[in-house]
Every structure is written in structure tokens, then in C-alpha cells.
Protein backbone atom coordinates (compact mmCIF):
# COMPACT_ATOMS: atom_id res chain seq x y z
CA UNK A 1 20.98 -1.96 -11.71
CA UNK A 2 20.96 1.82 -11.15
CA UNK A 3 17.98 3.52 -9.47
CA UNK A 4 18.45 6.48 -11.63
CA UNK A 5 17.24 4.30 -14.48
CA UNK A 6 13.66 4.58 -13.00
CA UNK A 7 13.54 8.34 -13.03
CA UNK A 8 11.25 10.39 -15.04
CA UNK A 9 9.99 14.11 -15.46
CA UNK A 10 6.43 14.45 -13.73
CA UNK A 11 4.95 17.79 -13.64
CA UNK A 12 3.47 18.70 -10.19
CA UNK A 13 0.28 19.54 -11.79
CA UNK A 14 -0.45 15.76 -12.43
CA UNK A 15 -0.32 14.93 -8.79
CA UNK A 16 -3.99 14.27 -7.86
CA UNK A 17 -4.71 16.12 -4.90
CA UNK A 18 -8.34 15.07 -4.39
CA UNK A 19 -10.51 12.08 -5.25
CA UNK A 20 -12.94 12.16 -7.99
CA UNK A 21 -16.57 12.37 -7.10
CA UNK A 22 -17.18 9.06 -8.54
CA UNK A 23 -14.65 6.10 -7.64
CA UNK A 24 -15.01 4.35 -10.83
CA UNK A 25 -14.68 7.62 -12.97
CA UNK A 26 -10.84 7.29 -13.21
CA UNK A 27 -9.16 6.74 -16.53
CA UNK A 28 -7.24 3.63 -17.28
CA UNK A 29 -4.11 3.07 -19.16
CA UNK A 30 -3.65 -0.63 -20.27
CA UNK A 31 -0.31 -2.31 -20.88
CA UNK A 32 0.28 -5.57 -22.58
CA UNK A 33 3.32 -6.95 -20.90
CA UNK A 34 4.20 -9.05 -23.85
CA UNK A 35 3.95 -6.60 -26.70
CA UNK A 36 4.17 -3.27 -24.85
CA UNK A 37 0.93 -2.18 -26.47
CA UNK A 38 -0.87 0.56 -24.64
CA UNK A 39 -4.60 1.69 -24.72
CA UNK A 40 -6.54 4.41 -23.18
CA UNK A 41 -9.71 3.50 -21.47
CA UNK A 42 -11.77 4.36 -18.38
CA UNK A 43 -11.93 2.34 -15.24
CA UNK A 44 -15.52 1.14 -16.11
CA UNK A 45 -13.77 -0.67 -19.02
CA UNK A 46 -11.97 -2.92 -16.65
CA UNK A 47 -14.66 -5.56 -16.67
CA UNK A 48 -13.92 -6.26 -20.51
CA UNK A 49 -10.30 -7.24 -19.71
CA UNK A 50 -11.48 -9.99 -17.08
CA UNK A 51 -12.97 -13.32 -17.91
CA UNK A 52 -15.10 -15.72 -16.02
CA UNK A 53 -13.02 -17.85 -13.76
CA UNK A 54 -10.34 -15.04 -13.32
CA UNK A 55 -9.44 -14.50 -9.56
CA UNK A 56 -9.41 -10.74 -8.40
CA UNK A 57 -7.22 -10.52 -5.22
CA UNK A 58 -7.72 -7.38 -3.10
CA UNK A 59 -5.92 -6.12 0.05
CA UNK A 60 -8.59 -5.59 2.82
CA UNK A 61 -6.58 -3.51 5.18
CA UNK A 62 -7.93 -0.56 6.79
CA UNK A 63 -6.10 2.70 7.38
CA UNK A 64 -6.04 3.98 10.77
CA UNK A 65 -6.09 7.73 11.63
CA UNK A 66 -2.32 7.29 12.36
CA UNK A 67 -1.16 11.05 12.20
CA UNK A 68 -1.12 12.64 15.56
CA UNK A 69 -0.33 16.40 16.38
CA UNK A 70 0.62 17.25 19.99
CA UNK A 71 3.34 18.85 21.85
CA UNK A 72 6.35 18.01 23.82
CA UNK A 73 5.44 17.87 27.44
CA UNK A 74 8.38 19.98 29.04
CA UNK A 75 8.52 22.61 26.42
CA UNK A 76 5.25 22.80 24.49
CA UNK A 77 6.89 22.67 21.21
CA UNK A 78 4.84 21.24 18.46
CA UNK A 79 5.42 17.36 17.59
CA UNK A 80 3.91 15.40 14.76
CA UNK A 81 3.84 11.54 14.89
CA UNK A 82 3.04 9.20 12.09
CA UNK A 83 2.18 5.69 13.54
CA UNK A 84 3.73 2.77 11.34
CA UNK A 85 3.57 -0.44 13.15
CA UNK A 86 2.21 -1.93 16.59
CA UNK A 87 4.90 -3.69 18.42
CA UNK A 88 2.49 -4.95 21.37
CA UNK A 89 2.08 -3.67 24.79
CA UNK A 90 1.14 -0.23 23.71
CA UNK A 91 4.57 0.19 21.85
CA UNK A 92 4.54 1.55 18.22
CA UNK A 93 7.02 2.33 15.63
CA UNK A 94 6.41 5.70 14.29
CA UNK A 95 7.92 8.75 12.28
CA UNK A 96 8.52 11.79 14.40
CA UNK A 97 8.66 15.32 13.14
CA UNK A 98 10.92 17.26 13.83
CA UNK A 99 13.25 14.32 15.11
CA UNK A 100 15.53 16.65 17.03
CA UNK A 101 12.81 17.25 19.52
CA UNK A 102 12.00 13.74 20.35
CA UNK A 103 15.18 11.97 21.49
CA UNK A 104 15.42 9.10 23.98
CA UNK A 105 13.19 9.70 26.97
CA UNK A 106 11.25 12.60 25.46
CA UNK A 107 7.49 12.67 26.20
CA UNK A 108 4.72 14.14 23.90
CA UNK A 109 1.19 14.69 24.81
CA UNK A 110 -2.01 14.79 22.86
CA UNK A 111 -5.47 16.06 23.62
CA UNK A 112 -6.93 16.93 26.91
CA UNK A 113 -9.65 15.19 29.09
CA UNK A 114 -11.74 17.97 30.21
CA UNK A 115 -13.19 15.77 33.06
CA UNK A 116 -9.89 14.91 34.28
CA UNK A 117 -8.38 17.98 35.41
CA UNK A 118 -6.86 18.78 31.89
CA UNK A 119 -4.71 15.78 31.91
CA UNK A 120 -3.59 14.65 28.31
CA UNK A 121 -5.58 11.92 26.79
CA UNK A 122 -2.59 10.29 25.33
CA UNK A 123 1.26 10.41 26.04
CA UNK A 124 3.99 8.92 24.03
CA UNK A 125 7.60 8.48 25.50
CA UNK A 126 10.51 7.78 23.15
CA UNK A 127 12.05 4.50 24.19
CA UNK A 128 14.28 3.78 21.18
CA UNK A 129 15.73 6.00 18.44
CA UNK A 130 16.09 4.90 14.86
CA UNK A 131 17.35 6.49 11.79
CA UNK A 132 15.47 9.20 9.55
CA UNK A 133 12.96 10.15 12.27
CA UNK A 134 12.02 6.53 13.11
CA UNK A 135 11.13 6.12 16.85
CA UNK A 136 9.85 3.39 19.19
CA UNK A 137 7.12 4.87 21.43
CA UNK A 138 5.58 3.75 24.60
CA UNK A 139 2.13 5.05 24.84
CA UNK A 140 0.12 5.68 28.01
CA UNK A 141 -3.75 6.34 28.30
CA UNK A 142 -7.08 5.46 30.02
CA UNK A 143 -9.66 3.77 28.01
CA UNK A 144 -9.41 2.10 24.65
CA UNK A 145 -6.56 2.99 22.37
CA UNK A 146 -8.30 2.85 19.02
CA UNK A 147 -11.16 5.06 20.39
CA UNK A 148 -8.74 7.79 21.48
CA UNK A 149 -6.89 7.45 18.07
CA UNK A 150 -10.02 7.73 16.30
CA UNK A 151 -10.93 11.09 18.18
CA UNK A 152 -7.36 12.59 18.06
CA UNK A 153 -5.81 11.32 14.86
CA UNK A 154 -6.01 12.36 11.38
CA UNK A 155 -5.66 10.30 7.99
CA UNK A 156 -2.09 9.81 7.18
CA UNK A 157 -2.21 11.27 3.60
CA UNK A 158 1.17 11.05 1.63
CA UNK A 159 3.43 14.30 1.76
CA UNK A 160 2.64 14.97 -1.95
CA UNK A 161 -0.84 15.64 -1.17
CA UNK A 162 -1.46 19.16 0.11
CA UNK A 163 -5.28 19.26 0.12
CA UNK A 164 -7.47 18.52 3.11
CA UNK A 165 -9.56 15.20 2.80
CA UNK A 166 -13.07 16.21 3.39
CA UNK A 167 -14.32 12.70 3.87
CA UNK A 168 -12.19 10.06 5.69
CA UNK A 169 -13.78 6.93 3.89
CA UNK A 170 -12.46 8.31 0.48
CA UNK A 171 -9.13 7.17 1.71
CA UNK A 172 -10.45 3.64 2.52
CA UNK A 173 -11.28 0.91 -0.04
CA UNK A 174 -15.00 -0.17 0.12
CA UNK A 175 -13.91 -3.56 1.24
CA UNK A 176 -11.54 -2.29 3.97
CA UNK A 177 -11.91 -4.52 7.01
CA UNK A 178 -8.96 -5.14 9.14
CA UNK A 179 -7.22 -1.94 10.77
CA UNK A 180 -3.59 -1.46 10.77
CA UNK A 181 -2.31 0.53 7.63
CA UNK A 182 -0.47 3.83 7.62
CA UNK A 183 -1.48 4.29 4.05
CA UNK A 184 -4.26 3.05 1.78
CA UNK A 185 -3.75 0.23 -0.87
CA UNK A 186 -4.79 2.80 -3.51
CA UNK A 187 -5.46 0.62 -6.50
CA UNK A 188 -8.47 -0.68 -4.67
CA UNK A 189 -9.83 2.99 -4.22
CA UNK A 190 -11.34 2.68 -7.83
CA UNK A 191 -13.88 0.11 -6.84
CA UNK A 192 -17.42 0.52 -5.65
CA UNK A 193 -19.66 -2.39 -4.27
CA UNK A 194 -21.82 -2.20 -7.21
CA UNK A 195 -18.81 -2.64 -9.64
CA UNK A 196 -17.64 -5.64 -7.72
CA UNK A 197 -21.07 -7.14 -7.98
CA UNK A 198 -20.89 -6.67 -11.81
CA UNK A 199 -17.52 -8.44 -11.84
CA UNK A 200 -18.95 -11.26 -9.77
CA UNK A 201 -21.96 -11.56 -12.10
CA UNK A 202 -19.53 -11.97 -15.00
CA UNK A 203 -18.07 -14.96 -13.20
CA UNK A 204 -14.87 -13.15 -11.78
CA UNK A 205 -14.13 -14.44 -8.39
CA UNK A 206 -12.99 -12.23 -5.43
CA UNK A 207 -10.43 -13.02 -2.82
CA UNK A 208 -8.77 -11.11 0.01
CA UNK A 209 -5.35 -10.79 1.52
CA UNK A 210 -4.25 -8.44 4.27
CA UNK A 211 -0.96 -6.43 4.20
CA UNK A 212 -0.91 -3.54 6.55
CA UNK A 213 1.08 -0.87 4.78
CA UNK A 214 3.73 0.70 6.84
CA UNK A 215 7.25 2.59 6.62
CA UNK A 216 8.32 1.28 3.19
CA UNK A 217 5.53 3.63 1.61
CA UNK A 218 7.10 6.68 2.99
CA UNK A 219 10.85 5.91 2.71
CA UNK A 220 12.46 6.91 -0.38
CA UNK A 221 15.17 4.69 -2.19
CA UNK A 222 18.22 6.46 -0.95
CA UNK A 223 21.01 4.17 -2.59
CA UNK A 224 22.43 4.32 -5.97
CA UNK A 225 21.99 0.55 -6.77
CA UNK A 226 18.74 -1.28 -6.38
CA UNK A 227 20.33 -4.40 -5.15
CA UNK A 228 21.47 -2.27 -1.97
CA UNK A 229 17.91 -1.26 -0.94
CA UNK A 230 16.42 -2.72 2.08
CA UNK A 231 12.56 -2.88 2.24
CA UNK A 232 10.96 -2.43 5.57
CA UNK A 233 8.98 -5.34 6.89
CA UNK A 234 5.10 -5.27 6.82
CA UNK A 235 2.64 -7.79 8.28
CA UNK A 236 0.49 -9.75 5.90
CA UNK A 237 -2.04 -12.51 6.12
CA UNK A 238 -3.04 -14.98 3.30
CA UNK A 239 -5.90 -17.23 4.45
CA UNK A 240 -6.54 -20.94 3.72
CA UNK A 241 -9.60 -19.76 1.81
CA UNK A 242 -7.67 -17.50 -0.39
CA UNK A 243 -4.95 -20.09 -1.00
CA UNK A 244 -7.49 -22.57 -2.08
CA UNK A 245 -9.04 -20.11 -4.54
CA UNK A 246 -5.61 -19.19 -5.98
CA UNK A 247 -4.68 -22.92 -6.48
CA UNK A 248 -8.23 -23.71 -8.16
CA UNK A 249 -7.84 -20.76 -10.44
CA UNK A 250 -4.29 -21.83 -11.50
CA UNK A 251 -5.37 -25.31 -11.99
CA UNK A 252 -8.20 -24.25 -14.03
CA UNK A 253 -5.86 -22.25 -16.43
CA UNK A 254 -7.39 -18.94 -15.42
CA UNK A 255 -5.60 -15.74 -14.21
CA UNK A 256 -4.68 -14.27 -10.83
CA UNK A 257 -5.31 -10.44 -10.91
CA UNK A 258 -3.62 -8.52 -8.08
CA UNK A 259 -5.38 -5.41 -7.07
CA UNK A 260 -2.39 -3.08 -6.12
CA UNK A 261 1.37 -3.72 -5.41
CA UNK A 262 0.47 -4.50 -1.69
CA UNK A 263 -1.56 -7.62 -2.97
CA UNK A 264 0.96 -8.61 -5.42
CA UNK A 265 3.87 -8.56 -2.68
CA UNK A 266 1.62 -10.59 -0.42
CA UNK A 267 0.93 -13.14 -3.11
CA UNK A 268 4.59 -13.31 -4.20
CA UNK A 269 5.70 -13.79 -0.57
CA UNK A 270 3.40 -16.67 -0.22
CA UNK A 271 4.71 -18.00 -3.37
CA UNK A 272 8.10 -17.95 -2.14
CA UNK A 273 7.33 -19.68 1.01
CA UNK A 274 5.31 -22.35 -0.73
CA UNK A 275 8.42 -23.20 -2.99
CA UNK A 276 10.61 -23.53 0.08
CA UNK A 277 8.10 -25.60 2.10
CA UNK A 278 7.00 -27.93 -0.83
CA UNK A 279 10.50 -28.62 -2.29
CA UNK A 280 9.28 -27.13 -5.58
CA UNK A 281 10.77 -28.15 -8.83
CA UNK A 282 10.86 -25.94 -11.75
CA UNK A 283 8.16 -26.76 -14.27
CA UNK A 284 5.85 -28.31 -11.67
CA UNK A 285 2.49 -26.63 -10.62
CA UNK A 286 3.13 -24.33 -7.64
CA UNK A 287 0.48 -24.90 -4.78
CA UNK A 288 0.10 -21.85 -2.60
CA UNK A 289 -0.08 -22.29 0.99
CA UNK A 290 -1.79 -20.07 3.73
CA UNK A 291 0.68 -18.04 5.68
CA UNK A 292 1.19 -15.03 7.63
CA UNK A 293 3.92 -13.09 9.07
CA UNK A 294 6.27 -10.19 8.33
CA UNK A 295 7.48 -9.70 4.67
CA UNK A 296 9.99 -7.38 3.34
CA UNK A 297 10.07 -8.80 -0.23
CA UNK A 298 11.76 -6.50 -2.82
CA UNK A 299 10.44 -7.10 -6.39
CA UNK A 300 12.62 -5.48 -9.29
CA UNK A 301 13.38 -6.49 -12.81
CA UNK A 302 14.94 -9.95 -12.85
CA UNK A 303 12.33 -11.40 -10.54
CA UNK A 304 10.00 -14.22 -11.85
CA UNK A 305 6.35 -14.08 -10.63
CA UNK A 306 5.08 -17.21 -9.19
CA UNK A 307 1.31 -16.19 -8.70
CA UNK A 308 0.41 -12.73 -10.18
CA UNK A 309 -0.59 -12.85 -13.77
CA UNK A 310 -2.16 -9.46 -14.13
CA UNK A 311 -1.74 -6.36 -12.00
CA UNK A 312 -4.10 -3.38 -11.35
CA UNK A 313 -2.12 -0.31 -9.90
CA UNK A 314 -1.95 3.35 -9.93
CA UNK A 315 0.99 5.50 -11.23
CA UNK A 316 4.01 5.71 -9.04
CA UNK A 317 6.72 7.97 -7.91
CA UNK A 318 9.88 8.12 -9.94
CA UNK A 319 12.66 5.96 -8.57
CA UNK A 320 10.30 4.20 -6.23
CA UNK A 321 10.14 0.49 -5.34
CA UNK A 322 6.68 0.20 -6.65
CA UNK A 323 7.85 1.46 -10.19
CA UNK A 324 10.50 -1.21 -9.98
CA UNK A 325 7.89 -3.96 -9.06
CA UNK A 326 5.71 -3.22 -12.01
CA UNK A 327 8.87 -3.05 -14.30
CA UNK A 328 9.66 -6.60 -13.15
CA UNK A 329 6.35 -7.74 -14.34
CA UNK A 330 5.88 -5.75 -17.81
CA UNK A 331 9.61 -5.03 -18.55
CA UNK A 332 11.33 -1.83 -17.77
CA UNK A 333 11.30 -0.53 -21.33
CA UNK A 334 7.59 -1.03 -21.61
CA UNK A 335 6.74 0.67 -18.28
CA UNK A 336 8.88 3.63 -18.87
CA UNK A 337 7.15 4.14 -22.56
CA UNK A 338 3.89 3.74 -20.95
CA UNK A 339 4.76 6.24 -18.20
CA UNK A 340 5.93 8.58 -20.75
CA UNK A 341 2.65 8.43 -22.60
CA UNK A 342 0.86 9.01 -19.44
CA UNK A 343 2.63 12.06 -18.92
CA UNK A 344 1.90 13.20 -22.35
CA UNK A 345 -1.81 12.35 -21.96
CA UNK A 346 -1.99 14.12 -18.61
CA UNK A 347 -3.16 11.00 -16.47
CA UNK A 348 -3.55 11.78 -12.83
CA UNK A 349 -0.66 10.23 -10.55
CA UNK A 350 -0.20 8.70 -7.24
CA UNK A 351 -2.77 7.95 -4.48
CA UNK A 352 -5.92 9.63 -5.83
CA UNK A 353 -4.97 9.39 -9.46
CA UNK A 354 -5.90 7.17 -12.34
CA UNK A 355 -5.26 3.41 -12.68
CA UNK A 356 -3.03 1.18 -14.89
CA UNK A 357 -3.77 -2.56 -15.95
CA UNK A 358 -0.85 -4.67 -16.85
CA UNK A 359 -2.18 -7.70 -18.43
């Protein structure tokens, strides 16, 4: 299947640059995956599409201030890092800009400790060079890394957002808990604690998974055919508690609603492992088992979903893996028609944009 088939015209003016004042004030485009029917709602209307016994599954990862600005130690030239994945023993996978300045053995420095003779608070040495600006860095510092990062780092907003974010927490979900992401699971940004309570009062159950969003979010699809694209691995956790809630929901004939593509990828990773481990036969109920580890699952049209019934998501980039994922759930023609409608109706796109419910 050609990547070009997932392209569409998007006016730059529709790319949301800042979050709305109220999280729940976004618009909501709904898409019936069976009929292709669309409707224009507000996010507040989501509750009317959910039923008692449905299970809402959210990604509780927390974004770290992963963008660092410093200088090359020997020349003073400016360097920018985007931390992507911890590898243990103070080594990180990162994107480096400009890459030509940070080759093997190069050292970057960040911040200065006024009480330590002007020594840098943090140094990073390139110990391995990858493609497209990817590097493995060895960090050195005195103290606690996360505290230093919180002091020096900035929120890693996507490159299509040009405005400065005045409040860090607006790039976190209200239920963000486990630090480790380089980008927010943005479908969850629409929820407030009060709105989640309203859903619970209706009988909708809540569950959480963790997937730390990494390199795949920032890398474009650079091949012509979808089948040739390789997803970057990201770390996920699906707990015993969440697995039990999924199984109870499915047994009761109710729906599993994934909040965001990261939640969907986590659930479908667990579904694939559960099929393998249980000797699953087609037509049998699929019992989800708890699991954790690295996933590079790539979902595109032709994929059969094992867990996800409904998906709440934002509007995605042209030719992106996320657009391919939602096309696998709702059908490519349905999705592309809905996106054409969203552009016509001037929905706000991407991280701080409006929401879409595929049911």
C-alpha cells in the first residue's frame, strides 16, 4: 500500500498553536466506522456516546522536560538535544541538532553551577552515532538527574508548534503519572478531573496503561510503501488490574474505548502477545494477559483489532503512521472523507487541536 494514499491538503492556519483555555472546550467530530456517518459535536458531548459498563483506557505516561539547549564543550557552538529513551546507567537515546556538530566523542555542556566554580551542571558525550540525528549519549552530573532536567529542560513540543507554552501542565494529561515520554498522549489532554468523575458517575469504568512516547512520534514515514516502514520501539506496561478490567468488559459485551493511538497500540500489543501465549483459536474469546516491554507494533489497513472497539483521538499529520492506524479501525475511505470534512469545517489539528471519536 502506497504512503501517498494517506496524503491530504492541510492549511497551516488549522494547526493549533496553543491549547484552549478550557480543556473540554474542543470540538468533537464523530465517525461511525461501519457506516462512515459523521457528526459535529463538542467534547462535552462525548459522554452521550459512552454507556455504563464501557471501559475507557488512558495512557498515564508523563512528559519529561526533554529538550535541552547547550553548547559544544570545545567550540561553544550551540547544541540542542531531545531526549527520547533512557537506556540505563545514565545513557540516553536522543535526537541532536545540528547532528554534524555532535559526532562520536563530542561533548555538550548544559547549565552552570554557581557554587562550583562555573562547572556545567550536566555534560553529554556522544558514545554512538545513529541515522537522522539520532545519538546515544552518556550523561555525567552531580546530584539527581530528574531534578537537573527539571531545572534545565524545556517541554518537547512538536516542531509544528511555533508558540511558547506558558504553562507546562497544559502539555500533560490530568492523570499523567509515570515519567518517561518525549511527547504527550494528546487525545487525553481534553479531559479534566471533573469530566472523568462525570463519566464514572454514569457507570463508565476507567483503566490505565503506560506507553512512553518516543522517537516514532518525531520520525516521518520516509518510504514509499507502508509495508517497508519500521516503527521505533517504545516501552509499555499493561497491568494485571487493567487486563482484568478489559476481560470483564469484553465478557459483559461492553466496549473498550482507547484514549489515543498510544493506548490503542498498547492494547493491541497485549492482544497479540495474549494470542501467542494462549494458543488462541479464531472465534474464541481472547483473554488479555498483563505484560510489559518494548513494542514496535505498526497498525495499518488490513490489521484486525483484538481489543479496541472505539477510539478517541486527535487529528493527525498527513502520511503519518497515526493516520494509518485510525484508517485500519474505520476504513481508509471513511477516514479520508472525514478528514476532508474536518478541513472544510476548520477543525483544529494536531497536539492542541480538536478531537475525533471513531465508534
